[in-house]
Structure formats: structure tokens, C-alpha cells
Amino acid sequence: MKRILLPFCALLLIAAAPATPGDDHCHRMGGMFTPEQRLMMLADAEKATADGSLDMKDYRAMQRDKLMAMSADKRAAYFADLTKRWAALSPAEQAKLKASAEQRRKDREAKGEGHMGGDHANCPPTKG
């Protein structure tokens, strides 16, 4: 009985452990960034897709692949650059970006796309 119980308990502990960013489709890379860094990335994405030559979904996939290919040092520098650019914005510009992100979220919810643009009914809510 002990031989069965111990592995079963270990399995329960592993299953109950909080997911790390990137573990599943619900979290992907969202946990890697602060809310401000995500807002700066959204601003970059909106600029890159404004002329319609690139779809937002394609742009995000390209950026994700680029980020995942970066070395740890380059990724840290990228995070620092996002933070620096956010800090350089005026409070009015920061508020505008926050409002834009909130409107995008509301638009996605109205379309039934959930918090990440797809069917995520079983995903826990995101932080931030």
C-alpha cells in the first residue's frame, strides 16, 4: 500500500503546483512581463500593424519567436528597454495606452474571444 500511496501523493503535489509562464495555452508568455511592459509591446504592435500590411496575430507570433530565440542577456535588455520607454511616457500617454488596452480587452470579450483571443473558458484569470 505504501508503494502506491507515495507516488500518488507526489503526483497530487505536482498537479497542484502553480503553473509557470509558458506551461500551457492559458499563460503562454504573459507572466514574463510587467503590465507596463505588456502595454509598451501593445503600442509597438499597434504601430507595426497600423497600415494593415501585417495581421496582429502574425505580428505577435513573430515577436514571440524572436523573444524566445533571444539569449538571456538580450531578453533582459529588451525588458529593461520596455520599462525605460514606459517611464519616459507622460502620464497622459500612459493613460492613453491603458485605455487602449482596456478597450481591446472589452472588444475581445464582446466577440467571445476570452482573455487571449481564443477559447479560454477553462483558463484562470490573468494577473495585472
N, C-alpha and C. Protein backbone atom coordinates (compact mmCIF):
# COMPACT_ATOMS: atom_id res chain seq x y z
N MET A 1 0.83 -1.20 0.00
CA MET A 1 0.00 0.00 0.00
C MET A 1 0.87 1.26 0.00
N LYS A 2 1.97 1.26 0.78
CA LYS A 2 2.85 2.43 0.82
C LYS A 2 3.48 2.71 -0.53
N ARG A 3 3.77 1.63 -1.28
CA ARG A 3 4.39 1.81 -2.60
C ARG A 3 3.46 2.54 -3.56
N ILE A 4 2.20 2.40 -3.40
CA ILE A 4 1.23 3.06 -4.27
C ILE A 4 0.92 4.46 -3.75
N LEU A 5 0.82 4.60 -2.45
CA LEU A 5 0.41 5.86 -1.85
C LEU A 5 1.44 6.98 -2.05
N LEU A 6 2.70 6.67 -1.89
CA LEU A 6 3.74 7.71 -2.02
C LEU A 6 3.78 8.31 -3.43
N PRO A 7 3.86 7.49 -4.49
CA PRO A 7 3.85 8.09 -5.82
C PRO A 7 2.56 8.86 -6.12
N PHE A 8 1.45 8.36 -5.59
CA PHE A 8 0.18 9.04 -5.80
C PHE A 8 0.19 10.42 -5.14
N CYS A 9 0.71 10.51 -3.93
CA CYS A 9 0.81 11.80 -3.23
C CYS A 9 1.73 12.76 -3.97
N ALA A 10 2.83 12.23 -4.48
CA ALA A 10 3.75 13.07 -5.24
C ALA A 10 3.07 13.61 -6.49
N LEU A 11 2.29 12.77 -7.15
CA LEU A 11 1.56 13.19 -8.33
C LEU A 11 0.57 14.29 -8.00
N LEU A 12 -0.11 14.17 -6.87
CA LEU A 12 -1.05 15.20 -6.44
C LEU A 12 -0.34 16.53 -6.20
N LEU A 13 0.82 16.49 -5.58
CA LEU A 13 1.57 17.71 -5.31
C LEU A 13 2.01 18.38 -6.61
N ILE A 14 2.45 17.58 -7.56
CA ILE A 14 2.88 18.14 -8.84
C ILE A 14 1.70 18.75 -9.57
N ALA A 15 0.57 18.06 -9.56
CA ALA A 15 -0.61 18.56 -10.25
C ALA A 15 -1.13 19.84 -9.62
N ALA A 16 -0.96 19.99 -8.30
CA ALA A 16 -1.46 21.17 -7.60
C ALA A 16 -0.50 22.34 -7.67
N ALA A 17 0.73 22.11 -8.13
CA ALA A 17 1.72 23.18 -8.20
C ALA A 17 1.26 24.25 -9.18
N PRO A 18 1.51 25.52 -8.86
CA PRO A 18 1.10 26.58 -9.78
C PRO A 18 1.85 26.47 -11.10
N ALA A 19 1.16 26.79 -12.15
CA ALA A 19 1.77 26.73 -13.48
C ALA A 19 2.78 27.85 -13.64
N THR A 20 3.85 27.54 -14.31
CA THR A 20 4.84 28.57 -14.62
C THR A 20 4.48 29.18 -15.96
N PRO A 21 4.87 30.41 -16.23
CA PRO A 21 4.56 31.02 -17.52
C PRO A 21 5.05 30.13 -18.66
N GLY A 22 4.22 29.99 -19.65
CA GLY A 22 4.58 29.17 -20.79
C GLY A 22 4.21 27.71 -20.65
N ASP A 23 3.66 27.30 -19.49
CA ASP A 23 3.30 25.90 -19.29
C ASP A 23 2.16 25.46 -20.19
N ASP A 24 1.23 26.32 -20.46
CA ASP A 24 0.07 25.92 -21.24
C ASP A 24 -0.44 27.09 -22.06
N HIS A 25 -1.48 26.83 -22.82
CA HIS A 25 -2.01 27.87 -23.69
C HIS A 25 -2.64 29.02 -22.92
N CYS A 26 -2.97 28.81 -21.67
CA CYS A 26 -3.64 29.86 -20.90
C CYS A 26 -2.66 30.95 -20.47
N HIS A 27 -1.41 30.62 -20.27
CA HIS A 27 -0.47 31.59 -19.74
C HIS A 27 0.57 32.04 -20.74
N ARG A 28 0.95 31.18 -21.62
CA ARG A 28 1.97 31.48 -22.62
C ARG A 28 3.09 32.33 -22.03
N MET A 29 3.35 33.50 -22.58
CA MET A 29 4.47 34.31 -22.12
C MET A 29 4.02 35.47 -21.25
N GLY A 30 2.74 35.55 -20.96
CA GLY A 30 2.20 36.68 -20.22
C GLY A 30 2.87 36.94 -18.89
N GLY A 31 3.32 35.91 -18.21
CA GLY A 31 3.94 36.06 -16.91
C GLY A 31 5.36 36.60 -16.96
N MET A 32 5.93 36.73 -18.13
CA MET A 32 7.30 37.21 -18.25
C MET A 32 7.38 38.72 -18.14
N PHE A 33 6.28 39.41 -18.37
CA PHE A 33 6.29 40.86 -18.49
C PHE A 33 5.47 41.53 -17.39
N THR A 34 5.87 42.73 -17.04
CA THR A 34 5.05 43.54 -16.14
C THR A 34 3.90 44.10 -16.97
N PRO A 35 2.85 44.57 -16.32
CA PRO A 35 1.76 45.18 -17.10
C PRO A 35 2.24 46.34 -17.96
N GLU A 36 3.18 47.11 -17.47
CA GLU A 36 3.70 48.25 -18.24
C GLU A 36 4.47 47.77 -19.47
N GLN A 37 5.25 46.72 -19.32
CA GLN A 37 5.98 46.17 -20.45
C GLN A 37 5.00 45.63 -21.51
N ARG A 38 3.93 44.98 -21.05
CA ARG A 38 2.92 44.49 -21.99
C ARG A 38 2.27 45.65 -22.75
N LEU A 39 2.03 46.75 -22.05
CA LEU A 39 1.44 47.91 -22.71
C LEU A 39 2.37 48.48 -23.77
N MET A 40 3.66 48.52 -23.48
CA MET A 40 4.61 49.01 -24.47
C MET A 40 4.67 48.06 -25.67
N MET A 41 4.59 46.77 -25.41
CA MET A 41 4.56 45.81 -26.51
C MET A 41 3.30 45.99 -27.35
N LEU A 42 2.18 46.27 -26.70
CA LEU A 42 0.93 46.53 -27.42
C LEU A 42 1.07 47.77 -28.30
N ALA A 43 1.69 48.81 -27.76
CA ALA A 43 1.90 50.04 -28.54
C ALA A 43 2.76 49.74 -29.76
N ASP A 44 3.81 48.94 -29.59
CA ASP A 44 4.67 48.56 -30.71
C ASP A 44 3.88 47.76 -31.74
N ALA A 45 3.04 46.85 -31.26
CA ALA A 45 2.24 46.02 -32.16
C ALA A 45 1.24 46.86 -32.94
N GLU A 46 0.61 47.81 -32.27
CA GLU A 46 -0.35 48.67 -32.96
C GLU A 46 0.32 49.50 -34.05
N LYS A 47 1.53 49.98 -33.76
CA LYS A 47 2.27 50.74 -34.78
C LYS A 47 2.64 49.86 -35.96
N ALA A 48 3.10 48.64 -35.66
CA ALA A 48 3.57 47.74 -36.72
C ALA A 48 2.44 47.24 -37.61
N THR A 49 1.23 47.18 -37.07
CA THR A 49 0.11 46.65 -37.84
C THR A 49 -0.86 47.73 -38.31
N ALA A 50 -0.55 48.98 -38.05
CA ALA A 50 -1.47 50.08 -38.36
C ALA A 50 -1.80 50.20 -39.85
N ASP A 51 -0.83 49.92 -40.70
CA ASP A 51 -1.08 50.09 -42.14
C ASP A 51 -1.81 48.90 -42.77
N GLY A 52 -2.05 47.85 -41.98
CA GLY A 52 -2.79 46.70 -42.48
C GLY A 52 -1.96 45.70 -43.26
N SER A 53 -0.68 45.95 -43.44
CA SER A 53 0.16 45.02 -44.20
C SER A 53 0.51 43.77 -43.39
N LEU A 54 0.30 43.84 -42.08
CA LEU A 54 0.62 42.71 -41.20
C LEU A 54 -0.53 42.53 -40.23
N ASP A 55 -0.97 41.32 -40.08
CA ASP A 55 -2.03 40.98 -39.15
C ASP A 55 -1.47 40.93 -37.73
N MET A 56 -2.27 41.37 -36.75
CA MET A 56 -1.83 41.39 -35.35
C MET A 56 -1.41 39.99 -34.88
N LYS A 57 -2.17 38.99 -35.26
CA LYS A 57 -1.84 37.62 -34.85
C LYS A 57 -0.48 37.20 -35.40
N ASP A 58 -0.22 37.51 -36.66
CA ASP A 58 1.07 37.18 -37.27
C ASP A 58 2.20 37.96 -36.61
N TYR A 59 1.96 39.25 -36.34
CA TYR A 59 2.97 40.08 -35.69
C TYR A 59 3.34 39.50 -34.32
N ARG A 60 2.32 39.14 -33.55
CA ARG A 60 2.58 38.60 -32.21
C ARG A 60 3.35 37.29 -32.28
N ALA A 61 3.03 36.45 -33.25
CA ALA A 61 3.77 35.19 -33.42
C ALA A 61 5.23 35.46 -33.75
N MET A 62 5.47 36.42 -34.64
CA MET A 62 6.85 36.77 -34.99
C MET A 62 7.60 37.30 -33.78
N GLN A 63 6.96 38.16 -32.99
CA GLN A 63 7.61 38.72 -31.81
C GLN A 63 7.89 37.64 -30.77
N ARG A 64 6.93 36.72 -30.59
CA ARG A 64 7.12 35.63 -29.63
C ARG A 64 8.32 34.79 -30.04
N ASP A 65 8.39 34.42 -31.32
CA ASP A 65 9.51 33.61 -31.80
C ASP A 65 10.83 34.34 -31.62
N LYS A 66 10.83 35.63 -31.92
CA LYS A 66 12.04 36.45 -31.77
C LYS A 66 12.48 36.50 -30.31
N LEU A 67 11.53 36.70 -29.42
CA LEU A 67 11.84 36.78 -28.00
C LEU A 67 12.37 35.46 -27.46
N MET A 68 11.75 34.37 -27.86
CA MET A 68 12.17 33.06 -27.37
C MET A 68 13.55 32.68 -27.90
N ALA A 69 13.95 33.24 -29.04
CA ALA A 69 15.26 32.95 -29.61
C ALA A 69 16.36 33.80 -28.98
N MET A 70 16.00 34.84 -28.23
CA MET A 70 16.99 35.72 -27.62
C MET A 70 17.75 35.03 -26.50
N SER A 71 18.97 35.43 -26.32
CA SER A 71 19.74 34.96 -25.17
C SER A 71 19.16 35.63 -23.92
N ALA A 72 19.50 35.10 -22.77
CA ALA A 72 19.01 35.67 -21.51
C ALA A 72 19.43 37.14 -21.36
N ASP A 73 20.65 37.46 -21.77
CA ASP A 73 21.13 38.84 -21.67
C ASP A 73 20.35 39.78 -22.59
N LYS A 74 20.12 39.34 -23.82
CA LYS A 74 19.37 40.18 -24.75
C LYS A 74 17.92 40.33 -24.30
N ARG A 75 17.35 39.27 -23.75
CA ARG A 75 15.98 39.35 -23.26
C ARG A 75 15.89 40.32 -22.09
N ALA A 76 16.87 40.28 -21.19
CA ALA A 76 16.89 41.21 -20.06
C ALA A 76 17.02 42.65 -20.55
N ALA A 77 17.84 42.86 -21.57
CA ALA A 77 17.99 44.20 -22.13
C ALA A 77 16.69 44.66 -22.78
N TYR A 78 15.98 43.73 -23.44
CA TYR A 78 14.70 44.06 -24.06
C TYR A 78 13.68 44.46 -22.98
N PHE A 79 13.62 43.70 -21.89
CA PHE A 79 12.71 44.03 -20.79
C PHE A 79 13.04 45.41 -20.23
N ALA A 80 14.33 45.68 -20.04
CA ALA A 80 14.77 46.97 -19.50
C ALA A 80 14.40 48.11 -20.45
N ASP A 81 14.52 47.86 -21.75
CA ASP A 81 14.15 48.89 -22.73
C ASP A 81 12.66 49.19 -22.67
N LEU A 82 11.84 48.15 -22.56
CA LEU A 82 10.39 48.37 -22.45
C LEU A 82 10.06 49.21 -21.21
N THR A 83 10.70 48.89 -20.10
CA THR A 83 10.46 49.62 -18.85
C THR A 83 10.92 51.07 -18.98
N LYS A 84 12.08 51.27 -19.58
CA LYS A 84 12.62 52.63 -19.77
C LYS A 84 11.70 53.46 -20.67
N ARG A 85 11.21 52.85 -21.74
CA ARG A 85 10.31 53.56 -22.64
C ARG A 85 8.99 53.90 -21.97
N TRP A 86 8.49 53.01 -21.12
CA TRP A 86 7.26 53.29 -20.37
C TRP A 86 7.47 54.48 -19.44
N ALA A 87 8.59 54.47 -18.73
CA ALA A 87 8.88 55.54 -17.77
C ALA A 87 9.05 56.90 -18.48
N ALA A 88 9.47 56.87 -19.73
CA ALA A 88 9.67 58.11 -20.48
C ALA A 88 8.36 58.71 -20.99
N LEU A 89 7.29 57.94 -20.96
CA LEU A 89 5.99 58.45 -21.41
C LEU A 89 5.41 59.42 -20.39
N SER A 90 4.66 60.37 -20.87
CA SER A 90 3.95 61.29 -19.97
C SER A 90 2.78 60.52 -19.33
N PRO A 91 2.29 61.00 -18.20
CA PRO A 91 1.12 60.35 -17.59
C PRO A 91 -0.08 60.26 -18.55
N ALA A 92 -0.25 61.27 -19.39
CA ALA A 92 -1.35 61.25 -20.35
C ALA A 92 -1.15 60.14 -21.39
N GLU A 93 0.10 59.96 -21.85
CA GLU A 93 0.38 58.89 -22.82
C GLU A 93 0.20 57.51 -22.18
N GLN A 94 0.62 57.39 -20.91
CA GLN A 94 0.43 56.13 -20.20
C GLN A 94 -1.06 55.82 -20.05
N ALA A 95 -1.85 56.83 -19.70
CA ALA A 95 -3.30 56.65 -19.55
C ALA A 95 -3.94 56.26 -20.88
N LYS A 96 -3.46 56.85 -21.97
CA LYS A 96 -3.99 56.53 -23.29
C LYS A 96 -3.71 55.07 -23.65
N LEU A 97 -2.50 54.60 -23.37
CA LEU A 97 -2.17 53.20 -23.63
C LEU A 97 -3.01 52.25 -22.78
N LYS A 98 -3.21 52.62 -21.50
CA LYS A 98 -4.03 51.79 -20.63
C LYS A 98 -5.47 51.73 -21.14
N ALA A 99 -5.99 52.86 -21.57
CA ALA A 99 -7.36 52.90 -22.09
C ALA A 99 -7.49 52.08 -23.37
N SER A 100 -6.48 52.16 -24.23
CA SER A 100 -6.48 51.39 -25.48
C SER A 100 -6.48 49.90 -25.18
N ALA A 101 -5.65 49.47 -24.25
CA ALA A 101 -5.58 48.06 -23.88
C ALA A 101 -6.90 47.59 -23.28
N GLU A 102 -7.49 48.41 -22.44
CA GLU A 102 -8.78 48.05 -21.83
C GLU A 102 -9.86 47.94 -22.89
N GLN A 103 -9.85 48.84 -23.86
CA GLN A 103 -10.86 48.77 -24.93
C GLN A 103 -10.67 47.51 -25.77
N ARG A 104 -9.42 47.16 -26.07
CA ARG A 104 -9.15 45.93 -26.82
C ARG A 104 -9.66 44.72 -26.05
N ARG A 105 -9.45 44.71 -24.74
CA ARG A 105 -9.92 43.60 -23.91
C ARG A 105 -11.44 43.51 -23.98
N LYS A 106 -12.11 44.64 -23.85
CA LYS A 106 -13.58 44.67 -23.90
C LYS A 106 -14.09 44.20 -25.27
N ASP A 107 -13.42 44.63 -26.32
CA ASP A 107 -13.82 44.22 -27.67
C ASP A 107 -13.68 42.71 -27.84
N ARG A 108 -12.57 42.15 -27.33
CA ARG A 108 -12.38 40.69 -27.42
C ARG A 108 -13.45 39.96 -26.63
N GLU A 109 -13.76 40.44 -25.43
CA GLU A 109 -14.78 39.79 -24.62
C GLU A 109 -16.14 39.87 -25.30
N ALA A 110 -16.44 41.00 -25.94
CA ALA A 110 -17.72 41.16 -26.64
C ALA A 110 -17.83 40.18 -27.81
N LYS A 111 -16.70 39.86 -28.42
CA LYS A 111 -16.69 38.89 -29.52
C LYS A 111 -16.64 37.46 -29.01
N GLY A 112 -16.52 37.29 -27.68
CA GLY A 112 -16.45 35.95 -27.10
C GLY A 112 -15.09 35.30 -27.26
N GLU A 113 -14.06 36.12 -27.40
CA GLU A 113 -12.72 35.59 -27.61
C GLU A 113 -11.94 35.37 -26.33
N GLY A 114 -12.47 35.71 -25.20
CA GLY A 114 -11.75 35.48 -23.96
C GLY A 114 -10.59 36.42 -23.76
N HIS A 115 -9.70 36.08 -22.83
CA HIS A 115 -8.61 36.99 -22.46
C HIS A 115 -7.39 36.89 -23.35
N MET A 116 -7.32 35.90 -24.23
CA MET A 116 -6.13 35.79 -25.08
C MET A 116 -6.50 35.57 -26.55
N GLY A 117 -7.70 35.93 -26.93
CA GLY A 117 -8.06 35.84 -28.34
C GLY A 117 -8.51 34.48 -28.81
N GLY A 118 -8.93 33.62 -27.92
CA GLY A 118 -9.40 32.30 -28.32
C GLY A 118 -10.34 31.72 -27.29
N ASP A 119 -10.58 30.44 -27.37
CA ASP A 119 -11.47 29.79 -26.43
C ASP A 119 -10.70 29.43 -25.18
N HIS A 120 -10.87 30.24 -24.14
CA HIS A 120 -10.14 30.05 -22.90
C HIS A 120 -11.09 30.00 -21.72
N ALA A 121 -12.24 29.38 -21.92
CA ALA A 121 -13.25 29.33 -20.87
C ALA A 121 -12.75 28.65 -19.62
N ASN A 122 -11.85 27.71 -19.75
CA ASN A 122 -11.35 26.96 -18.59
C ASN A 122 -10.06 27.51 -18.02
N CYS A 123 -9.57 28.62 -18.56
CA CYS A 123 -8.33 29.22 -18.09
C CYS A 123 -8.59 30.09 -16.88
N PRO A 124 -7.67 30.12 -15.93
CA PRO A 124 -7.82 31.04 -14.80
C PRO A 124 -7.60 32.46 -15.27
N PRO A 125 -8.17 33.44 -14.56
CA PRO A 125 -7.96 34.83 -14.96
C PRO A 125 -6.49 35.20 -14.83
N THR A 126 -6.06 36.11 -15.69
CA THR A 126 -4.67 36.55 -15.64
C THR A 126 -4.52 37.66 -14.60
N LYS A 127 -3.28 37.83 -14.14
CA LYS A 127 -2.98 38.88 -13.17
C LYS A 127 -2.54 40.12 -13.93
N GLY A 128 -2.75 41.29 -13.29
CA GLY A 128 -2.21 42.52 -13.85
C GLY A 128 -3.00 43.18 -14.85
